[in-house]
Protein backbone atom coordinates (compact mmCIF):
# COMPACT_ATOMS: atom_id res chain seq x y z
CA MET A 1 90.95 75.45 30.81
CA ILE A 2 89.74 79.02 31.14
CA TYR A 3 86.72 77.78 33.09
CA ALA A 4 89.00 75.91 35.52
CA LEU A 5 91.20 78.98 36.00
CA SER A 6 88.11 81.07 36.62
CA ASN A 7 86.86 78.60 39.21
CA MET A 8 90.24 78.50 40.98
CA THR A 9 90.43 82.28 41.03
CA HIS A 10 86.93 82.49 42.45
CA ALA A 11 87.75 79.86 45.06
CA SER A 12 90.88 81.76 46.06
CA ALA A 13 88.95 85.00 46.36
CA THR A 14 86.24 83.25 48.37
CA MET A 15 88.79 81.82 50.81
CA ALA A 16 90.45 85.22 51.18
CA HIS A 17 87.08 86.82 51.83
CA THR A 18 86.24 84.11 54.36
CA LEU A 19 89.53 84.72 56.18
CA ALA A 20 88.88 88.46 56.20
CA THR A 21 85.37 87.88 57.54
CA MET A 22 86.64 85.63 60.33
CA THR A 23 89.30 88.20 61.22
CA TYR A 24 86.65 90.92 61.35
CA ALA A 25 84.41 88.70 63.50
CA PHE A 26 87.28 88.03 65.91
CA THR A 27 88.08 91.74 66.11
CA THR A 28 84.42 92.55 66.72
CA MET A 29 84.14 89.95 69.49
CA THR A 30 87.35 91.22 71.09
CA HIS A 31 85.98 94.76 70.99
CA ALA A 32 82.71 93.58 72.51
CA PHE A 33 84.60 91.81 75.30
CA THR A 34 86.72 94.85 76.11
CA THR A 35 83.61 97.05 76.01
CA MET A 36 81.83 94.78 78.51
CA ALA A 37 84.93 94.71 80.73
CA HIS A 38 85.04 98.50 80.62
CA ALA A 39 81.34 98.67 81.48
CA LEU A 40 81.88 96.41 84.51
CA ALA A 41 84.83 98.51 85.63
CA THR A 42 82.72 101.66 85.24
CA ILE A 43 79.93 100.14 87.34
CA ALA A 44 82.43 99.10 90.02
CA HIS A 45 83.94 102.58 90.02
CA ALA A 46 80.48 104.12 90.35
CA LEU A 47 79.68 101.88 93.32
CA VAL A 48 82.93 102.80 95.05
CA THR A 49 82.30 106.48 94.36
CA MET A 50 78.75 106.28 95.76
CA GLY A 51 80.05 104.49 98.83
CA HIS A 52 82.67 107.16 99.31
CA ALA A 53 79.99 109.83 98.95
CA LEU A 54 77.84 108.12 101.60
CA VAL A 55 80.76 107.94 104.03
CA THR A 56 81.62 111.57 103.37
CA MET A 57 78.01 112.68 103.93
CA ASP A 58 77.84 110.62 107.11
CA HIS A 59 80.95 112.29 108.45
CA ALA A 60 79.67 115.71 107.45
CA LEU A 61 76.25 115.21 109.04
CA ASN A 62 77.78 113.87 112.25
CA GLY A 63 80.15 116.79 112.49
CA ASN A 64 83.23 114.60 112.60
CA TYR A 65 85.44 116.68 110.35
CA CYS A 66 87.05 118.49 113.26
CA GLY A 67 85.81 116.78 116.40
CA PRO A 68 87.65 116.81 119.72
CA CYS A 69 89.14 113.39 119.00
CA LEU A 70 89.67 113.80 115.26
CA SER A 71 92.41 115.72 113.53
CA CYS A 72 91.19 118.62 111.40
CA ASN A 73 92.60 118.29 107.92
CA GLY A 74 90.01 119.84 105.67
CA PRO A 75 87.31 117.70 104.07
CA TYR A 76 89.24 114.49 104.69
CA PHE A 77 88.39 112.07 107.46
CA SER A 78 91.27 110.84 109.59
CA TYR A 79 91.20 107.06 109.86
CA ASN A 80 94.31 107.04 112.05
CA ASP A 81 92.65 108.80 114.96
CA PRO A 82 93.11 107.17 118.39
CA CYS A 83 89.52 107.99 119.38
CA LEU A 84 87.97 106.55 116.23
CA ASN A 85 86.93 103.31 117.92
CA GLN A 86 85.19 105.27 120.68
CA LYS A 87 83.08 107.21 118.17
CA TYR A 88 82.49 104.23 115.87
CA PRO A 89 82.57 101.09 118.04
């Protein structure tokens, strides 16, 4: 009788431990997934930032911050300029 109770207690503890382990595994996989998603978003953000830097340098090197056809508004390039298509066909 005591042996059977001991076995049932051990089985119950084993099942509880198994459930806890599966929960931990699920949490770990979820964390890994969100980490990878964050990494992809960071890479995408870096690519956009580098592209923006290239466009900004291009405008700076071509002197198009305050050209005769472009509005002068500091370091920002005006995309609504009527002469934009003449400068960048």
